[in-house]
PDB file of N, CA and C in Angstrom:
ATOM      1  N   MET A   1       0.849  -1.177   0.000  1.00  0.00           N
ATOM      2  CA  MET A   1       0.000   0.000   0.000  1.00  0.00           C
ATOM      3  C   MET A   1       0.891   1.235   0.000  1.00  0.00           C
ATOM      4  N   SER A   2       0.666   2.114  -0.919  1.00  0.00           N
ATOM      5  CA  SER A   2       1.489   3.316  -0.996  1.00  0.00           C
ATOM      6  C   SER A   2       0.982   4.362  -0.016  1.00  0.00           C
ATOM      7  N   SER A   3       1.883   5.219   0.368  1.00  0.00           N
ATOM      8  CA  SER A   3       1.497   6.289   1.292  1.00  0.00           C
ATOM      9  C   SER A   3       1.719   7.630   0.615  1.00  0.00           C
ATOM     10  N   THR A   4       0.968   8.591   1.041  1.00  0.00           N
ATOM     11  CA  THR A   4       1.092   9.938   0.508  1.00  0.00           C
ATOM     12  C   THR A   4       2.271  10.621   1.175  1.00  0.00           C
ATOM     13  N   PRO A   5       3.162  11.250   0.404  1.00  0.00           N
ATOM     14  CA  PRO A   5       4.300  11.932   1.025  1.00  0.00           C
ATOM     15  C   PRO A   5       3.841  13.083   1.905  1.00  0.00           C
ATOM     16  N   GLY A   6       4.571  13.318   2.960  1.00  0.00           N
ATOM     17  CA  GLY A   6       4.240  14.396   3.886  1.00  0.00           C
ATOM     18  C   GLY A   6       4.505  15.756   3.279  1.00  0.00           C
ATOM     19  N   PRO A   7       3.888  16.794   3.826  1.00  0.00           N
ATOM     20  CA  PRO A   7       4.055  18.138   3.267  1.00  0.00           C
ATOM     21  C   PRO A   7       5.460  18.695   3.464  1.00  0.00           C
ATOM     22  N   GLU A   8       6.220  18.134   4.405  1.00  0.00           N
ATOM     23  CA  GLU A   8       7.552  18.678   4.649  1.00  0.00           C
ATOM     24  C   GLU A   8       8.499  18.406   3.487  1.00  0.00           C
ATOM     25  N   GLY A   9       8.208  17.392   2.663  1.00  0.00           N
ATOM     26  CA  GLY A   9       9.048  17.075   1.523  1.00  0.00           C
ATOM     27  C   GLY A   9       8.690  17.852   0.276  1.00  0.00           C
ATOM     28  N   GLN A  10       7.662  18.643   0.337  1.00  0.00           N
ATOM     29  CA  GLN A  10       7.212  19.400  -0.825  1.00  0.00           C
ATOM     30  C   GLN A  10       7.667  20.847  -0.709  1.00  0.00           C
ATOM     31  N   ARG A  11       7.928  21.444  -1.844  1.00  0.00           N
ATOM     32  CA  ARG A  11       8.277  22.864  -1.820  1.00  0.00           C
ATOM     33  C   ARG A  11       7.192  23.641  -2.539  1.00  0.00           C
ATOM     34  N   PRO A  12       6.877  24.833  -2.037  1.00  0.00           N
ATOM     35  CA  PRO A  12       5.815  25.616  -2.673  1.00  0.00           C
ATOM     36  C   PRO A  12       6.264  26.128  -4.034  1.00  0.00           C
ATOM     37  N   PRO A  13       5.356  26.226  -4.981  1.00  0.00           N
ATOM     38  CA  PRO A  13       5.713  26.742  -6.304  1.00  0.00           C
ATOM     39  C   PRO A  13       6.002  28.232  -6.243  1.00  0.00           C
ATOM     40  N   GLN A  14       6.739  28.703  -7.219  1.00  0.00           N
ATOM     41  CA  GLN A  14       7.034  30.132  -7.323  1.00  0.00           C
ATOM     42  C   GLN A  14       5.908  30.775  -8.129  1.00  0.00           C
ATOM     43  N   LEU A  15       5.043  31.510  -7.440  1.00  0.00           N
ATOM     44  CA  LEU A  15       3.868  32.116  -8.068  1.00  0.00           C
ATOM     45  C   LEU A  15       3.879  33.625  -7.876  1.00  0.00           C
ATOM     46  N   SER A  16       3.132  34.310  -8.729  1.00  0.00           N
ATOM     47  CA  SER A  16       2.973  35.752  -8.555  1.00  0.00           C
ATOM     48  C   SER A  16       2.095  35.998  -7.328  1.00  0.00           C
ATOM     49  N   GLU A  17       2.056  37.237  -6.868  1.00  0.00           N
ATOM     50  CA  GLU A  17       1.270  37.569  -5.674  1.00  0.00           C
ATOM     51  C   GLU A  17      -0.214  37.269  -5.883  1.00  0.00           C
ATOM     52  N   ASN A  18      -0.746  37.609  -7.050  1.00  0.00           N
ATOM     53  CA  ASN A  18      -2.163  37.328  -7.331  1.00  0.00           C
ATOM     54  C   ASN A  18      -2.430  35.832  -7.363  1.00  0.00           C
ATOM     55  N   ASP A  19      -1.512  35.065  -7.984  1.00  0.00           N
ATOM     56  CA  ASP A  19      -1.677  33.612  -8.026  1.00  0.00           C
ATOM     57  C   ASP A  19      -1.587  33.011  -6.625  1.00  0.00           C
ATOM     58  N   LEU A  20      -0.704  33.566  -5.793  1.00  0.00           N
ATOM     59  CA  LEU A  20      -0.596  33.085  -4.412  1.00  0.00           C
ATOM     60  C   LEU A  20      -1.891  33.326  -3.650  1.00  0.00           C
ATOM     61  N   ARG A  21      -2.458  34.506  -3.793  1.00  0.00           N
ATOM     62  CA  ARG A  21      -3.716  34.812  -3.101  1.00  0.00           C
ATOM     63  C   ARG A  21      -4.842  33.888  -3.581  1.00  0.00           C
ATOM     64  N   HIS A  22      -4.874  33.632  -4.876  1.00  0.00           N
ATOM     65  CA  HIS A  22      -5.889  32.734  -5.430  1.00  0.00           C
ATOM     66  C   HIS A  22      -5.691  31.311  -4.891  1.00  0.00           C
ATOM     67  N   ALA A  23      -4.442  30.857  -4.844  1.00  0.00           N
ATOM     68  CA  ALA A  23      -4.148  29.519  -4.315  1.00  0.00           C
ATOM     69  C   ALA A  23      -4.538  29.416  -2.845  1.00  0.00           C
ATOM     70  N   LEU A  24      -4.282  30.474  -2.074  1.00  0.00           N
ATOM     71  CA  LEU A  24      -4.655  30.463  -0.654  1.00  0.00           C
ATOM     72  C   LEU A  24      -6.170  30.385  -0.489  1.00  0.00           C
ATOM     73  N   ASP A  25      -6.905  31.115  -1.310  1.00  0.00           N
ATOM     74  CA  ASP A  25      -8.375  31.058  -1.252  1.00  0.00           C
ATOM     75  C   ASP A  25      -8.884  29.658  -1.577  1.00  0.00           C
ATOM     76  N   GLU A  26      -8.298  29.037  -2.608  1.00  0.00           N
ATOM     77  CA  GLU A  26      -8.713  27.677  -2.977  1.00  0.00           C
ATOM     78  C   GLU A  26      -8.388  26.684  -1.869  1.00  0.00           C
ATOM     79  N   LEU A  27      -7.213  26.824  -1.274  1.00  0.00           N
ATOM     80  CA  LEU A  27      -6.841  25.920  -0.183  1.00  0.00           C
ATOM     81  C   LEU A  27      -7.761  26.101   1.012  1.00  0.00           C
ATOM     82  N   ASP A  28      -8.127  27.335   1.322  1.00  0.00           N
ATOM     83  CA  ASP A  28      -9.061  27.578   2.433  1.00  0.00           C
ATOM     84  C   ASP A  28     -10.379  26.841   2.201  1.00  0.00           C
ATOM     85  N   ALA A  29     -10.882  26.910   0.965  1.00  0.00           N
ATOM     86  CA  ALA A  29     -12.147  26.235   0.647  1.00  0.00           C
ATOM     87  C   ALA A  29     -12.006  24.720   0.772  1.00  0.00           C
ATOM     88  N   LYS A  30     -10.895  24.171   0.286  1.00  0.00           N
ATOM     89  CA  LYS A  30     -10.676  22.723   0.376  1.00  0.00           C
ATOM     90  C   LYS A  30     -10.540  22.273   1.827  1.00  0.00           C
ATOM     91  N   ILE A  31      -9.801  23.051   2.613  1.00  0.00           N
ATOM     92  CA  ILE A  31      -9.603  22.708   4.023  1.00  0.00           C
ATOM     93  C   ILE A  31     -10.936  22.727   4.758  1.00  0.00           C
ATOM     94  N   LYS A  32     -11.751  23.734   4.480  1.00  0.00           N
ATOM     95  CA  LYS A  32     -13.060  23.825   5.133  1.00  0.00           C
ATOM     96  C   LYS A  32     -13.922  22.618   4.774  1.00  0.00           C
ATOM     97  N   THR A  33     -13.922  22.240   3.503  1.00  0.00           N
ATOM     98  CA  THR A  33     -14.696  21.075   3.064  1.00  0.00           C
ATOM     99  C   THR A  33     -14.220  19.809   3.762  1.00  0.00           C
ATOM    100  N   LEU A  34     -12.903  19.624   3.846  1.00  0.00           N
ATOM    101  CA  LEU A  34     -12.367  18.425   4.492  1.00  0.00           C
ATOM    102  C   LEU A  34     -12.718  18.383   5.971  1.00  0.00           C
ATOM    103  N   HIS A  35     -12.653  19.527   6.636  1.00  0.00           N
ATOM    104  CA  HIS A  35     -13.024  19.561   8.057  1.00  0.00           C
ATOM    105  C   HIS A  35     -14.507  19.235   8.232  1.00  0.00           C
ATOM    106  N   ASN A  36     -15.337  19.756   7.350  1.00  0.00           N
ATOM    107  CA  ASN A  36     -16.766  19.437   7.421  1.00  0.00           C
ATOM    108  C   ASN A  36     -17.008  17.948   7.213  1.00  0.00           C
ATOM    109  N   ARG A  37     -16.300  17.343   6.273  1.00  0.00           N
ATOM    110  CA  ARG A  37     -16.451  15.906   6.033  1.00  0.00           C
ATOM    111  C   ARG A  37     -15.948  15.102   7.224  1.00  0.00           C
ATOM    112  N   ALA A  38     -14.845  15.544   7.809  1.00  0.00           N
ATOM    113  CA  ALA A  38     -14.296  14.823   8.963  1.00  0.00           C
ATOM    114  C   ALA A  38     -15.269  14.870  10.129  1.00  0.00           C
ATOM    115  N   HIS A  39     -15.927  16.009  10.330  1.00  0.00           N
ATOM    116  CA  HIS A  39     -16.886  16.132  11.433  1.00  0.00           C
ATOM    117  C   HIS A  39     -18.158  15.335  11.166  1.00  0.00           C
ATOM    118  N   ALA A  40     -18.502  15.144   9.892  1.00  0.00           N
ATOM    119  CA  ALA A  40     -19.719  14.413   9.549  1.00  0.00           C
ATOM    120  C   ALA A  40     -19.506  12.897   9.517  1.00  0.00           C
ATOM    121  N   THR A  41     -18.253  12.455   9.617  1.00  0.00           N
ATOM    122  CA  THR A  41     -17.939  11.033   9.564  1.00  0.00           C
ATOM    123  C   THR A  41     -18.065  10.427  10.954  1.00  0.00           C
ATOM    124  N   ALA A  42     -18.485   9.198  11.014  1.00  0.00           N
ATOM    125  CA  ALA A  42     -18.665   8.512  12.300  1.00  0.00           C
ATOM    126  C   ALA A  42     -17.348   8.414  13.058  1.00  0.00           C
ATOM    127  N   ALA A  43     -17.435   8.500  14.368  1.00  0.00           N
ATOM    128  CA  ALA A  43     -16.243   8.398  15.214  1.00  0.00           C
ATOM    129  C   ALA A  43     -15.601   7.029  15.020  1.00  0.00           C
ATOM    130  N   GLY A  44     -14.290   6.999  14.970  1.00  0.00           N
ATOM    131  CA  GLY A  44     -13.563   5.750  14.807  1.00  0.00           C
ATOM    132  C   GLY A  44     -13.460   5.283  13.366  1.00  0.00           C
ATOM    133  N   SER A  45     -14.029   6.017  12.452  1.00  0.00           N
ATOM    134  CA  SER A  45     -13.987   5.648  11.041  1.00  0.00           C
ATOM    135  C   SER A  45     -12.564   5.833  10.510  1.00  0.00           C
ATOM    136  N   PRO A  46     -12.112   4.913   9.671  1.00  0.00           N
ATOM    137  CA  PRO A  46     -10.739   5.021   9.155  1.00  0.00           C
ATOM    138  C   PRO A  46     -10.650   6.002   7.983  1.00  0.00           C
ATOM    139  N   ASN A  47     -11.114   7.219   8.184  1.00  0.00           N
ATOM    140  CA  ASN A  47     -11.046   8.207   7.099  1.00  0.00           C
ATOM    141  C   ASN A  47      -9.744   8.985   7.189  1.00  0.00           C
ATOM    142  N   THR A  48      -9.392   9.620   6.100  1.00  0.00           N
ATOM    143  CA  THR A  48      -8.159  10.405   6.059  1.00  0.00           C
ATOM    144  C   THR A  48      -8.448  11.884   5.854  1.00  0.00           C
ATOM    145  N   TYR A  49      -9.685  12.283   6.085  1.00  0.00           N
ATOM    146  CA  TYR A  49     -10.036  13.688   5.876  1.00  0.00           C
ATOM    147  C   TYR A  49      -9.189  14.614   6.743  1.00  0.00           C
ATOM    148  N   GLN A  50      -9.044  14.281   8.023  1.00  0.00           N
ATOM    149  CA  GLN A  50      -8.301  15.143   8.939  1.00  0.00           C
ATOM    150  C   GLN A  50      -6.828  15.221   8.534  1.00  0.00           C
ATOM    151  N   ALA A  51      -6.237  14.068   8.194  1.00  0.00           N
ATOM    152  CA  ALA A  51      -4.832  14.060   7.777  1.00  0.00           C
ATOM    153  C   ALA A  51      -4.651  14.870   6.493  1.00  0.00           C
ATOM    154  N   HIS A  52      -5.571  14.726   5.566  1.00  0.00           N
ATOM    155  CA  HIS A  52      -5.495  15.478   4.319  1.00  0.00           C
ATOM    156  C   HIS A  52      -5.628  16.976   4.587  1.00  0.00           C
ATOM    157  N   ALA A  53      -6.540  17.350   5.466  1.00  0.00           N
ATOM    158  CA  ALA A  53      -6.721  18.764   5.815  1.00  0.00           C
ATOM    159  C   ALA A  53      -5.457  19.323   6.457  1.00  0.00           C
ATOM    160  N   GLU A  54      -4.823  18.545   7.329  1.00  0.00           N
ATOM    161  CA  GLU A  54      -3.593  19.007   7.978  1.00  0.00           C
ATOM    162  C   GLU A  54      -2.475  19.200   6.959  1.00  0.00           C
ATOM    163  N   ALA A  55      -2.382  18.303   5.973  1.00  0.00           N
ATOM    164  CA  ALA A  55      -1.368  18.457   4.926  1.00  0.00           C
ATOM    165  C   ALA A  55      -1.630  19.718   4.102  1.00  0.00           C
ATOM    166  N   LEU A  56      -2.902  19.982   3.797  1.00  0.00           N
ATOM    167  CA  LEU A  56      -3.233  21.199   3.046  1.00  0.00           C
ATOM    168  C   LEU A  56      -2.961  22.452   3.872  1.00  0.00           C
ATOM    169  N   GLU A  57      -3.177  22.378   5.184  1.00  0.00           N
ATOM    170  CA  GLU A  57      -2.892  23.527   6.044  1.00  0.00           C
ATOM    171  C   GLU A  57      -1.397  23.818   6.073  1.00  0.00           C
ATOM    172  N   ALA A  58      -0.577  22.765   6.072  1.00  0.00           N
ATOM    173  CA  ALA A  58       0.873  22.970   6.032  1.00  0.00           C
ATOM    174  C   ALA A  58       1.279  23.619   4.707  1.00  0.00           C
ATOM    175  N   LYS A  59       0.678  23.149   3.620  1.00  0.00           N
ATOM    176  CA  LYS A  59       0.962  23.744   2.307  1.00  0.00           C
ATOM    177  C   LYS A  59       0.519  25.201   2.285  1.00  0.00           C
ATOM    178  N   ARG A  60      -0.646  25.475   2.855  1.00  0.00           N
ATOM    179  CA  ARG A  60      -1.166  26.834   2.905  1.00  0.00           C
ATOM    180  C   ARG A  60      -0.235  27.744   3.695  1.00  0.00           C
ATOM    181  N   ALA A  61       0.302  27.233   4.793  1.00  0.00           N
ATOM    182  CA  ALA A  61       1.216  28.033   5.619  1.00  0.00           C
ATOM    183  C   ALA A  61       2.473  28.399   4.829  1.00  0.00           C
ATOM    184  N   ARG A  62       2.995  27.445   4.048  1.00  0.00           N
ATOM    185  CA  ARG A  62       4.184  27.743   3.244  1.00  0.00           C
ATOM    186  C   ARG A  62       3.876  28.782   2.169  1.00  0.00           C
ATOM    187  N   LEU A  63       2.699  28.671   1.539  1.00  0.00           N
ATOM    188  CA  LEU A  63       2.322  29.665   0.528  1.00  0.00           C
ATOM    189  C   LEU A  63       2.108  31.039   1.163  1.00  0.00           C
ATOM    190  N   ALA A  64       1.492  31.067   2.341  1.00  0.00           N
ATOM    191  CA  ALA A  64       1.281  32.341   3.030  1.00  0.00           C
ATOM    192  C   ALA A  64       2.618  32.961   3.415  1.00  0.00           C
ATOM    193  N   GLU A  65       3.564  32.117   3.814  1.00  0.00           N
ATOM    194  CA  GLU A  65       4.902  32.622   4.151  1.00  0.00           C
ATOM    195  C   GLU A  65       5.559  33.211   2.911  1.00  0.00           C
ATOM    196  N   GLN A  66       5.402  32.532   1.785  1.00  0.00           N
ATOM    197  CA  GLN A  66       5.955  33.036   0.530  1.00  0.00           C
ATOM    198  C   GLN A  66       5.293  34.359   0.148  1.00  0.00           C
ATOM    199  N   LEU A  67       3.999  34.479   0.376  1.00  0.00           N
ATOM    200  CA  LEU A  67       3.286  35.720   0.082  1.00  0.00           C
ATOM    201  C   LEU A  67       3.799  36.841   0.976  1.00  0.00           C
ATOM    202  N   GLY A  68       4.135  36.532   2.213  1.00  0.00           N
ATOM    203  CA  GLY A  68       4.675  37.528   3.136  1.00  0.00           C
ATOM    204  C   GLY A  68       6.015  38.062   2.676  1.00  0.00           C
ATOM    205  N   GLN A  69       6.735  37.276   1.884  1.00  0.00           N
ATOM    206  CA  GLN A  69       8.029  37.696   1.368  1.00  0.00           C
ATOM    207  C   GLN A  69       7.896  38.423   0.035  1.00  0.00           C
ATOM    208  N   ALA A  70       6.685  38.452  -0.511  1.00  0.00           N
ATOM    209  CA  ALA A  70       6.444  39.122  -1.793  1.00  0.00           C
ATOM    210  C   ALA A  70       6.540  40.631  -1.604  1.00  0.00           C
ATOM    211  N   PRO A  71       6.855  41.364  -2.663  1.00  0.00           N
ATOM    212  CA  PRO A  71       6.905  42.822  -2.550  1.00  0.00           C
ATOM    213  C   PRO A  71       5.540  43.399  -2.206  1.00  0.00           C
ATOM    214  N   ALA A  72       5.559  44.589  -1.635  1.00  0.00           N
ATOM    215  CA  ALA A  72       4.315  45.248  -1.215  1.00  0.00           C
ATOM    216  C   ALA A  72       3.439  45.530  -2.426  1.00  0.00           C
ATOM    217  N   PRO A  73       2.131  45.370  -2.293  1.00  0.00           N
ATOM    218  CA  PRO A  73       1.239  45.647  -3.412  1.00  0.00           C
ATOM    219  C   PRO A  73       1.235  47.124  -3.783  1.00  0.00           C
ATOM    220  N   ALA A  74       0.873  47.402  -5.025  1.00  0.00           N
ATOM    221  CA  ALA A  74       0.907  48.770  -5.531  1.00  0.00           C
ATOM    222  C   ALA A  74      -0.134  49.666  -4.877  1.00  0.00           C
ATOM    223  N   ASP A  75      -1.189  49.081  -4.278  1.00  0.00           N
ATOM    224  CA  ASP A  75      -2.230  49.922  -3.692  1.00  0.00           C
ATOM    225  C   ASP A  75      -1.811  50.508  -2.340  1.00  0.00           C
ATOM    226  N   GLY A  76      -0.617  50.169  -1.862  1.00  0.00           N
ATOM    227  CA  GLY A  76      -0.109  50.766  -0.633  1.00  0.00           C
ATOM    228  C   GLY A  76      -0.555  50.085   0.640  1.00  0.00           C
ATOM    229  N   SER A  77      -1.320  49.004   0.544  1.00  0.00           N
ATOM    230  CA  SER A  77      -1.743  48.319   1.768  1.00  0.00           C
ATOM    231  C   SER A  77      -0.548  47.631   2.416  1.00  0.00           C
ATOM    232  N   GLU A  78      -0.618  47.471   3.695  1.00  0.00           N
ATOM    233  CA  GLU A  78       0.473  46.907   4.488  1.00  0.00           C
ATOM    234  C   GLU A  78       0.343  45.386   4.541  1.00  0.00           C
ATOM    235  N   PRO A  79       1.260  44.631   3.893  1.00  0.00           N
ATOM    236  CA  PRO A  79       1.143  43.177   3.920  1.00  0.00           C
ATOM    237  C   PRO A  79       1.321  42.605   5.325  1.00  0.00           C
ATOM    238  N   GLY A  80       2.065  43.277   6.178  1.00  0.00           N
ATOM    239  CA  GLY A  80       2.266  42.794   7.538  1.00  0.00           C
ATOM    240  C   GLY A  80       0.970  42.738   8.334  1.00  0.00           C
ATOM    241  N   VAL A  81       0.094  43.686   8.113  1.00  0.00           N
ATOM    242  CA  VAL A  81      -1.192  43.712   8.809  1.00  0.00           C
ATOM    243  C   VAL A  81      -2.029  42.504   8.396  1.00  0.00           C
ATOM    244  N   TRP A  82      -2.069  42.217   7.098  1.00  0.00           N
ATOM    245  CA  TRP A  82      -2.842  41.062   6.622  1.00  0.00           C
ATOM    246  C   TRP A  82      -2.252  39.763   7.149  1.00  0.00           C
ATOM    247  N   ASN A  83      -0.939  39.699   7.219  1.00  0.00           N
ATOM    248  CA  ASN A  83      -0.308  38.496   7.773  1.00  0.00           C
ATOM    249  C   ASN A  83      -0.679  38.326   9.235  1.00  0.00           C
ATOM    250  N   GLN A  84      -0.732  39.420   9.984  1.00  0.00           N
ATOM    251  CA  GLN A  84      -1.120  39.333  11.395  1.00  0.00           C
ATOM    252  C   GLN A  84      -2.566  38.871  11.526  1.00  0.00           C
ATOM    253  N   ILE A  85      -3.430  39.376  10.660  1.00  0.00           N
ATOM    254  CA  ILE A  85      -4.838  38.954  10.692  1.00  0.00           C
ATOM    255  C   ILE A  85      -4.946  37.473  10.359  1.00  0.00           C
ATOM    256  N   ARG A  86      -4.252  37.038   9.300  1.00  0.00           N
ATOM    257  CA  ARG A  86      -4.270  35.618   8.934  1.00  0.00           C
ATOM    258  C   ARG A  86      -3.731  34.754  10.065  1.00  0.00           C
ATOM    259  N   HIS A  87      -2.656  35.207  10.670  1.00  0.00           N
ATOM    260  CA  HIS A  87      -2.059  34.454  11.777  1.00  0.00           C
ATOM    261  C   HIS A  87      -3.039  34.356  12.945  1.00  0.00           C
ATOM    262  N   GLY A  88      -3.734  35.440  13.238  1.00  0.00           N
ATOM    263  CA  GLY A  88      -4.732  35.425  14.307  1.00  0.00           C
ATOM    264  C   GLY A  88      -5.873  34.469  14.005  1.00  0.00           C
ATOM    265  N   ILE A  89      -6.303  34.448  12.753  1.00  0.00           N
ATOM    266  CA  ILE A  89      -7.374  33.525  12.355  1.00  0.00           C
ATOM    267  C   ILE A  89      -6.899  32.082  12.477  1.00  0.00           C
ATOM    268  N   GLU A  90      -5.674  31.813  12.054  1.00  0.00           N
ATOM    269  CA  GLU A  90      -5.130  30.452  12.173  1.00  0.00           C
ATOM    270  C   GLU A  90      -5.051  30.029  13.640  1.00  0.00           C
ATOM    271  N   ASN A  91      -4.659  30.957  14.512  1.00  0.00           N
ATOM    272  CA  ASN A  91      -4.602  30.634  15.943  1.00  0.00           C
ATOM    273  C   ASN A  91      -5.988  30.321  16.486  1.00  0.00           C
ATOM    274  N   LEU A  92      -6.987  31.083  16.054  1.00  0.00           N
ATOM    275  CA  LEU A  92      -8.364  30.811  16.477  1.00  0.00           C
ATOM    276  C   LEU A  92      -8.827  29.442  15.990  1.00  0.00           C
ATOM    277  N   ARG A  93      -8.476  29.097  14.752  1.00  0.00           N
ATOM    278  CA  ARG A  93      -8.836  27.772  14.220  1.00  0.00           C
ATOM    279  C   ARG A  93      -8.235  26.661  15.075  1.00  0.00           C
ATOM    280  N   GLU A  94      -6.959  26.811  15.396  1.00  0.00           N
ATOM    281  CA  GLU A  94      -6.293  25.788  16.209  1.00  0.00           C
ATOM    282  C   GLU A  94      -6.932  25.685  17.588  1.00  0.00           C
ATOM    283  N   ASP A  95      -7.256  26.821  18.190  1.00  0.00           N
ATOM    284  CA  ASP A  95      -7.908  26.804  19.504  1.00  0.00           C
ATOM    285  C   ASP A  95      -9.256  26.094  19.433  1.00  0.00           C
ATOM    286  N   LEU A  96     -10.020  26.371  18.380  1.00  0.00           N
ATOM    287  CA  LEU A  96     -11.321  25.713  18.218  1.00  0.00           C
ATOM    288  C   LEU A  96     -11.166  24.213  18.009  1.00  0.00           C
ATOM    289  N   ARG A  97     -10.158  23.807  17.242  1.00  0.00           N
ATOM    290  CA  ARG A  97      -9.925  22.372  17.040  1.00  0.00           C
ATOM    291  C   ARG A  97      -9.591  21.686  18.356  1.00  0.00           C
ATOM    292  N   GLN A  98      -8.805  22.345  19.182  1.00  0.00           N
ATOM    293  CA  GLN A  98      -8.432  21.750  20.466  1.00  0.00           C
ATOM    294  C   GLN A  98      -9.631  21.661  21.396  1.00  0.00           C
ATOM    295  N   ILE A  99     -10.527  22.636  21.320  1.00  0.00           N
ATOM    296  CA  ILE A  99     -11.724  22.615  22.167  1.00  0.00           C
ATOM    297  C   ILE A  99     -12.658  21.499  21.720  1.00  0.00           C
ATOM    298  N   LEU A 100     -12.838  21.354  20.413  1.00  0.00           N
ATOM    299  CA  LEU A 100     -13.740  20.334  19.872  1.00  0.00           C
ATOM    300  C   LEU A 100     -13.021  19.023  19.866  1.00  0.00           C
TER     301      LEU A 100
END
């Protein structure tokens, strides 16, 4: 039986800032769907939804880190502020997972 490689062995692609934002949005939607499926599955079921969601979250974190290293957008918004907001949301997600 083959196993899926862990996210630590993967490197994020080199994308433009707009492509990175689009990829992050898509990953957020996929992660949300996987978490919903994991919660709807019977306890003790041998599903891999949670593991898959965790791998996507690791990939998302690497892409977000890459976006943080991208040059500032032309509209003058502060990328550091958005990173802090994203980081705060991720912390809230983790806290909620630990509570549930």
